């Protein structure tokens, strides 16, 4: 009985981790597809940052959840929405304005500011999950580690997939990627406001 409970608990953590990783996966595919010179080390770097933020936000939510859960839940989705709207909107704008050779760090997917902005925006849900875990008085270390590892795997696949196939398809990928990020932002906002 104890073993089946532990198995069920582990399955729940995996399912939770997969659910949390979906936004990171979508953002990673977008990121991989707009990298101009795709290299394998980009996979590790982007996936590591995504995973660290996802696991870190879960822990922050857990430790902050005891006293501040209502306050945090009130605005976390707005932070995610505006971050994704900003990054996605900038990608769309730069693609439509077609400024060749303007390689500032603004929307370069390998820029630390851009990657961290995406990682924060796509890990806001993990903050809420951490708060929930605190409210049901469960442990956090195994959950956060599992969430981080699953996010790393999904993000690594996303960057690989985007970089491998995005470069072969000659589309306006920065425009498409920006729109995808904006849609993720609206999805996060609508889930929190209406569901």
Foldseek 3Di string as FASTA:
>chain_A
DVVVVVVVVVVVLLVVLLVLLPLLLLLLLLLLLPQPDDDLVLLQVLLQLLLCLLLVLLQLLQVPLPPCLVVLLVCLLVLLLVLLLLLLVVLQVCLVVVDPPPDDLRNNSSRPVNSNSSSSSSNSVSSNNSSVCNVVPDDRPVSSVSSSVSSSVSSSVSSCNNNVVSVVDPDSSSNVSSVSSNVVSVVSVCVSPPD
